[in-house]
């Protein structure tokens, strides 16, 4: 993968992504995308998330076990985002299952040695998004992508396709991978720490605090690169203009200056919400409310329908053995 350079950033036609741009470009892009994340719209989507959660649970509950990542955590966020963008897969367009391609890319990245798999998945995703954006430009629909495309077009007065696709991709992929990671980490931690699961099962504020502690303890995104735009010094270390640095949010969330016993998983931690899992300041994740709502709704249903969560015997899978 080729890293951006200062020369790239000076080009007017550079396809800035929301996550990698700075004000004023970043501010413009956030305003264009904000419509998707208004509180009222989130409340409207909760029944959809609950219905998808029940649909996925129905597929394995009678079997008594499941591979939680591939049968639930991978699928729920993809279903939600695909629905918001009205991008349901069709037989005539095999690349339309963007969630599948996105997840394949993410898994290949984590394994480190699967570059061909990641490249194919990324190509599938890019082609799908390009086709979808072009469709919405030609024939708008009553979906979030159409609203975003129209606001983008109105704001800039013309269609800058690379920028539009870059922004749509950021919203699409970001809404799938991070929520998948959070769902998976929650299930793993609740099984590993049954006493913490018991507290979270009380629901309401107990489950909300548990979500924040999972975000702190196992950040869905552990780190991210940044390009240094001017000579900088941090804690006595000189960082030259043009250098690539990594922001390690996972390490920040275990900072002993902020969190007592940071390596302890404690769903009753009073300041768990001080974590950096969603970033901070200008770049705070726009999708955080949607991700929190999805996970809250999902685990309300999981706890209501599955009473005995545990690891499957002699397997690395997650399972449940009895209904609630």
Protein backbone atom coordinates (compact mmCIF):
# COMPACT_ATOMS: atom_id res chain seq x y z
CA UNK A 1 0.00 0.00 0.00
CA UNK A 2 1.38 3.41 -0.96
CA UNK A 3 1.41 6.02 1.79
CA UNK A 4 0.27 9.56 1.04
CA UNK A 5 2.99 12.20 0.78
CA UNK A 6 3.01 15.93 1.32
CA UNK A 7 3.09 16.34 -2.46
CA UNK A 8 -0.09 14.28 -2.72
CA UNK A 9 -1.85 16.42 -0.16
CA UNK A 10 -1.03 19.61 -2.03
CA UNK A 11 -2.99 18.42 -5.08
CA UNK A 12 -6.44 19.97 -5.37
CA UNK A 13 -7.88 16.75 -6.82
CA UNK A 14 -6.47 14.48 -4.10
CA UNK A 15 -9.30 12.12 -2.93
CA UNK A 16 -9.29 13.13 0.72
CA UNK A 17 -11.06 10.66 3.01
CA UNK A 18 -13.01 11.99 5.98
CA UNK A 19 -10.77 10.18 8.42
CA UNK A 20 -7.51 11.51 6.94
CA UNK A 21 -8.44 15.11 6.16
CA UNK A 22 -8.00 18.17 8.36
CA UNK A 23 -10.14 21.31 8.69
CA UNK A 24 -11.49 23.00 6.70
CA UNK A 25 -11.91 19.98 4.36
CA UNK A 26 -12.64 17.67 7.27
CA UNK A 27 -15.29 20.00 8.68
CA UNK A 28 -17.03 20.17 5.31
CA UNK A 29 -17.08 16.39 4.97
CA UNK A 30 -18.44 15.83 8.48
CA UNK A 31 -21.31 18.25 7.83
CA UNK A 32 -22.20 16.43 4.62
CA UNK A 33 -22.29 13.06 6.38
CA UNK A 34 -23.92 14.18 9.64
CA UNK A 35 -27.45 13.53 8.37
CA UNK A 36 -26.82 9.79 8.75
CA UNK A 37 -26.07 10.05 12.45
CA UNK A 38 -28.74 12.38 13.83
CA UNK A 39 -30.21 11.06 17.13
CA UNK A 40 -33.70 10.84 15.67
CA UNK A 41 -32.53 8.67 12.82
CA UNK A 42 -30.76 6.35 15.25
CA UNK A 43 -34.00 5.79 17.18
CA UNK A 44 -35.76 4.95 13.95
CA UNK A 45 -33.15 2.31 13.13
CA UNK A 46 -33.22 0.44 16.44
CA UNK A 47 -36.17 -1.85 15.46
CA UNK A 48 -34.29 -2.81 12.29
CA UNK A 49 -31.18 -3.75 14.29
CA UNK A 50 -33.29 -5.75 16.74
CA UNK A 51 -35.00 -7.61 13.90
CA UNK A 52 -31.68 -8.47 12.22
CA UNK A 53 -30.30 -9.63 15.57
CA UNK A 54 -33.22 -12.00 16.09
CA UNK A 55 -32.93 -13.25 12.51
CA UNK A 56 -29.26 -14.16 13.02
CA UNK A 57 -29.91 -15.80 16.40
CA UNK A 58 -32.77 -17.82 14.89
CA UNK A 59 -30.32 -19.34 12.43
CA UNK A 60 -28.27 -21.10 15.11
CA UNK A 61 -30.12 -21.16 18.43
CA UNK A 62 -31.74 -24.57 17.90
CA UNK A 63 -28.34 -25.99 16.97
CA UNK A 64 -27.04 -24.96 20.39
CA UNK A 65 -23.77 -23.48 19.17
CA UNK A 66 -22.32 -21.10 16.63
CA UNK A 67 -19.09 -19.62 15.33
CA UNK A 68 -19.93 -16.19 16.67
CA UNK A 69 -17.70 -14.07 14.44
CA UNK A 70 -18.76 -15.48 11.08
CA UNK A 71 -22.39 -16.22 12.03
CA UNK A 72 -23.17 -13.04 13.92
CA UNK A 73 -20.52 -10.35 14.45
CA UNK A 74 -19.51 -10.30 10.78
CA UNK A 75 -23.08 -10.19 9.55
CA UNK A 76 -25.03 -7.78 11.73
CA UNK A 77 -23.04 -4.58 10.94
CA UNK A 78 -22.94 -5.49 7.24
CA UNK A 79 -26.70 -5.99 7.16
CA UNK A 80 -27.26 -2.64 8.85
CA UNK A 81 -24.96 -0.64 6.58
CA UNK A 82 -26.16 -2.37 3.42
CA UNK A 83 -29.74 -1.56 4.43
CA UNK A 84 -28.98 2.09 5.18
CA UNK A 85 -27.46 2.36 1.70
CA UNK A 86 -30.17 0.16 0.13
CA UNK A 87 -27.45 -2.03 -1.30
CA UNK A 88 -28.83 -5.52 -0.90
CA UNK A 89 -26.86 -8.13 -2.89
CA UNK A 90 -28.36 -9.22 -6.18
CA UNK A 91 -27.50 -12.37 -8.19
CA UNK A 92 -26.70 -10.18 -11.20
CA UNK A 93 -24.10 -8.28 -9.21
CA UNK A 94 -21.97 -10.76 -7.22
CA UNK A 95 -19.71 -7.99 -5.95
CA UNK A 96 -22.62 -6.35 -4.16
CA UNK A 97 -21.96 -8.23 -0.92
CA UNK A 98 -19.62 -5.49 0.21
CA UNK A 99 -19.80 -6.68 3.77
CA UNK A 100 -18.27 -9.99 2.77
CA UNK A 101 -15.47 -8.30 0.84
CA UNK A 102 -14.83 -5.88 3.68
CA UNK A 103 -14.63 -8.63 6.25
CA UNK A 104 -12.33 -10.70 4.04
CA UNK A 105 -10.05 -7.70 3.71
CA UNK A 106 -10.05 -7.14 7.46
CA UNK A 107 -9.30 -10.78 8.24
CA UNK A 108 -6.47 -10.82 5.70
CA UNK A 109 -5.01 -7.69 7.26
CA UNK A 110 -5.05 -9.23 10.72
CA UNK A 111 -3.31 -12.37 9.46
CA UNK A 112 -0.64 -10.26 7.84
CA UNK A 113 0.38 -12.72 5.11
CA UNK A 114 -2.78 -12.65 3.00
CA UNK A 115 -2.03 -9.69 0.75
CA UNK A 116 -3.56 -11.23 -2.41
CA UNK A 117 -6.79 -11.91 -0.50
CA UNK A 118 -6.85 -8.36 0.83
CA UNK A 119 -6.16 -6.91 -2.62
CA UNK A 120 -9.00 -8.88 -4.24
CA UNK A 121 -11.41 -7.91 -1.46
CA UNK A 122 -10.45 -4.24 -1.69
CA UNK A 123 -10.92 -4.26 -5.46
CA UNK A 124 -14.37 -5.83 -5.09
CA UNK A 125 -15.36 -3.23 -2.51
CA UNK A 126 -14.08 -0.31 -4.61
CA UNK A 127 -15.91 -1.47 -7.74
CA UNK A 128 -19.11 -2.03 -5.80
CA UNK A 129 -19.03 1.41 -4.21
CA UNK A 130 -18.25 3.10 -7.52
CA UNK A 131 -21.23 1.39 -9.16
CA UNK A 132 -23.48 2.23 -6.23
CA UNK A 133 -22.51 5.91 -6.17
CA UNK A 134 -23.03 6.21 -9.93
CA UNK A 135 -26.47 4.63 -9.56
CA UNK A 136 -27.45 7.13 -6.86
CA UNK A 137 -26.21 10.04 -8.96
CA UNK A 138 -28.40 8.92 -11.85
CA UNK A 139 -31.41 7.71 -9.83
CA UNK A 140 -31.64 8.94 -6.23
CA UNK A 141 -33.55 6.77 -3.77
CA UNK A 142 -34.86 7.23 -0.22
CA UNK A 143 -31.69 5.95 1.39
CA UNK A 144 -28.78 7.48 3.29
CA UNK A 145 -26.35 7.16 0.39
CA UNK A 146 -28.66 9.14 -1.92
CA UNK A 147 -28.91 11.90 0.67
CA UNK A 148 -25.15 11.95 1.10
CA UNK A 149 -24.49 11.98 -2.66
CA UNK A 150 -26.96 14.82 -3.20
CA UNK A 151 -25.55 16.92 -0.34
CA UNK A 152 -22.04 16.31 -1.70
CA UNK A 153 -23.10 17.44 -5.18
CA UNK A 154 -24.93 20.53 -3.91
CA UNK A 155 -22.05 21.61 -1.69
CA UNK A 156 -19.30 21.32 -4.30
CA UNK A 157 -21.43 22.33 -7.29
CA UNK A 158 -20.14 19.39 -9.31
CA UNK A 159 -19.39 15.72 -8.98
CA UNK A 160 -15.87 14.85 -7.88
CA UNK A 161 -16.19 11.09 -8.20
CA UNK A 162 -12.89 10.08 -6.51
CA UNK A 163 -13.72 12.23 -3.49
CA UNK A 164 -17.30 11.04 -3.37
CA UNK A 165 -16.32 7.37 -3.54
CA UNK A 166 -13.59 7.91 -0.96
CA UNK A 167 -16.06 9.46 1.49
CA UNK A 168 -18.72 6.81 0.86
CA UNK A 169 -16.15 4.07 1.34
CA UNK A 170 -15.05 5.59 4.64
CA UNK A 171 -18.61 5.60 5.95
CA UNK A 172 -19.40 2.15 4.58
CA UNK A 173 -16.32 0.21 5.62
CA UNK A 174 -15.92 2.07 8.92
CA UNK A 175 -19.46 1.13 9.83
CA UNK A 176 -18.81 -2.57 9.30
CA UNK A 177 -15.34 -3.47 10.53
CA UNK A 178 -15.27 -1.55 13.81
CA UNK A 179 -18.68 -2.81 14.97
CA UNK A 180 -17.71 -6.36 14.03
CA UNK A 181 -14.62 -6.07 16.22
CA UNK A 182 -16.62 -4.62 19.13
CA UNK A 183 -19.29 -7.35 19.01
CA UNK A 184 -16.63 -10.07 18.85
CA UNK A 185 -14.59 -8.64 21.73
CA UNK A 186 -17.69 -8.28 23.90
CA UNK A 187 -18.70 -11.89 23.46
CA UNK A 188 -15.16 -13.12 24.11
CA UNK A 189 -14.75 -11.02 27.25
CA UNK A 190 -18.17 -11.86 28.65
CA UNK A 191 -17.35 -15.57 28.33
CA UNK A 192 -13.88 -15.15 29.80
CA UNK A 193 -15.22 -13.08 32.71
CA UNK A 194 -18.62 -14.58 33.64
CA UNK A 195 -18.95 -12.42 36.77
CA UNK A 196 -18.70 -9.33 34.56
CA UNK A 197 -21.27 -10.82 32.19
CA UNK A 198 -23.65 -11.25 35.13
CA UNK A 199 -23.43 -7.53 35.86
CA UNK A 200 -23.91 -6.57 32.20
CA UNK A 201 -26.98 -8.83 31.98
CA UNK A 202 -28.79 -6.44 34.29
CA UNK A 203 -29.14 -4.26 31.20
CA UNK A 204 -29.72 -0.53 31.05
CA UNK A 205 -26.87 1.52 32.49
CA UNK A 206 -25.00 -1.66 33.46
CA UNK A 207 -24.84 -2.80 29.83
CA UNK A 208 -23.97 0.71 28.63
CA UNK A 209 -21.01 0.87 31.03
CA UNK A 210 -19.95 -2.62 29.94
CA UNK A 211 -19.84 -1.48 26.31
CA UNK A 212 -17.57 1.43 27.24
CA UNK A 213 -15.25 -0.89 29.18
CA UNK A 214 -15.00 -3.26 26.22
CA UNK A 215 -14.18 -0.30 23.99
CA UNK A 216 -11.43 0.66 26.42
CA UNK A 217 -10.11 -2.84 27.08
CA UNK A 218 -10.09 -4.10 23.46
CA UNK A 219 -10.26 -1.07 21.18
CA UNK A 220 -11.91 -2.02 17.86
CA UNK A 221 -9.17 -0.06 16.05
CA UNK A 222 -5.86 -0.36 17.86
CA UNK A 223 -3.85 2.17 15.89
CA UNK A 224 -3.84 4.47 12.90
CA UNK A 225 -1.20 6.30 10.80
CA UNK A 226 -0.84 10.06 10.58
CA UNK A 227 1.33 12.23 8.34
CA UNK A 228 3.25 14.95 10.20
CA UNK A 229 2.64 18.30 8.48
CA UNK A 230 5.26 20.34 10.33
CA UNK A 231 8.34 19.78 12.48
CA UNK A 232 7.08 18.70 15.88
CA UNK A 233 8.45 17.66 19.25
CA UNK A 234 6.60 15.37 21.66
CA UNK A 235 8.02 14.65 25.10
CA UNK A 236 11.51 15.57 23.90
CA UNK A 237 11.34 13.47 20.73
CA UNK A 238 11.81 15.37 17.47
CA UNK A 239 9.38 14.36 14.70
CA UNK A 240 10.23 15.86 11.30
CA UNK A 241 7.76 17.20 8.77
CA UNK A 242 6.73 14.44 6.36
CA UNK A 243 7.21 11.60 8.84
CA UNK A 244 4.57 8.89 9.26
CA UNK A 245 3.61 8.23 12.88
CA UNK A 246 1.21 5.76 14.49
CA UNK A 247 -1.39 6.80 17.02
CA UNK A 248 -1.86 3.74 19.23
CA UNK A 249 -5.28 4.11 20.81
CA UNK A 250 -5.07 0.64 22.33
CA UNK A 251 -2.05 1.73 24.38
CA UNK A 252 -3.68 5.01 25.41
CA UNK A 253 -6.63 3.04 26.77
CA UNK A 254 -4.30 1.18 29.14
CA UNK A 255 -2.64 4.37 30.43
CA UNK A 256 -2.05 4.10 34.19
CA UNK A 257 -2.25 7.89 34.46
CA UNK A 258 -5.90 7.72 33.42
CA UNK A 259 -7.16 4.28 34.46
CA UNK A 260 -6.59 2.42 37.73
CA UNK A 261 -5.55 -1.21 37.13
CA UNK A 262 -5.91 -0.73 33.37
CA UNK A 263 -5.26 -4.41 32.57
CA UNK A 264 -8.29 -5.44 34.63
CA UNK A 265 -11.61 -5.86 32.82
CA UNK A 266 -14.15 -4.11 35.04
CA UNK A 267 -17.61 -3.30 33.63
CA UNK A 268 -18.29 -1.10 36.66
CA UNK A 269 -15.29 1.14 35.99
CA UNK A 270 -16.42 4.69 36.70
CA UNK A 271 -14.33 6.45 34.04
CA UNK A 272 -14.38 3.81 31.28
CA UNK A 273 -15.91 6.36 28.91
CA UNK A 274 -12.64 8.32 29.03
CA UNK A 275 -11.25 5.84 26.50
CA UNK A 276 -9.85 6.85 23.11
CA UNK A 277 -11.45 4.05 21.10
CA UNK A 278 -13.43 6.53 19.00
CA UNK A 279 -10.64 9.09 18.83
CA UNK A 280 -10.96 12.58 20.24
CA UNK A 281 -11.64 16.18 19.28
CA UNK A 282 -12.00 17.06 15.60
CA UNK A 283 -11.64 13.47 14.48
CA UNK A 284 -14.02 11.88 17.00
CA UNK A 285 -15.79 9.05 15.17
CA UNK A 286 -19.09 10.19 13.65
CA UNK A 287 -20.37 6.62 13.67
CA UNK A 288 -19.89 6.13 17.42
CA UNK A 289 -23.61 6.60 18.27
CA UNK A 290 -24.63 4.10 15.59
CA UNK A 291 -22.05 1.54 16.73
CA UNK A 292 -23.06 1.89 20.37
CA UNK A 293 -26.75 1.51 19.48
CA UNK A 294 -26.11 -1.60 17.37
CA UNK A 295 -24.09 -3.32 20.09
CA UNK A 296 -26.49 -2.32 22.88
CA UNK A 297 -29.48 -3.64 20.94
CA UNK A 298 -27.67 -6.81 19.88
CA UNK A 299 -26.63 -7.80 23.39
CA UNK A 300 -30.04 -6.98 24.84
CA UNK A 301 -31.40 -9.67 22.51
CA UNK A 302 -28.49 -12.05 23.05
CA UNK A 303 -28.93 -11.88 26.83
CA UNK A 304 -32.71 -12.21 26.56
CA UNK A 305 -32.55 -15.31 24.37
CA UNK A 306 -29.37 -17.09 25.48
CA UNK A 307 -28.92 -17.93 29.15
CA UNK A 308 -25.69 -19.93 29.16
CA UNK A 309 -22.93 -18.43 27.05
CA UNK A 310 -19.64 -20.31 27.02
CA UNK A 311 -16.86 -21.52 24.74
CA UNK A 312 -17.66 -24.70 22.86
CA UNK A 313 -15.80 -27.73 24.15
CA UNK A 314 -12.60 -28.53 22.27
CA UNK A 315 -13.25 -25.62 19.92
CA UNK A 316 -12.38 -21.96 19.61
CA UNK A 317 -15.99 -21.21 18.72
CA UNK A 318 -18.53 -19.45 20.91
CA UNK A 319 -21.74 -21.23 21.79
CA UNK A 320 -24.80 -21.24 23.98
CA UNK A 321 -26.39 -24.37 25.36
CA UNK A 322 -29.78 -23.27 26.70
CA UNK A 323 -32.38 -20.71 25.89
CA UNK A 324 -33.34 -17.94 28.26
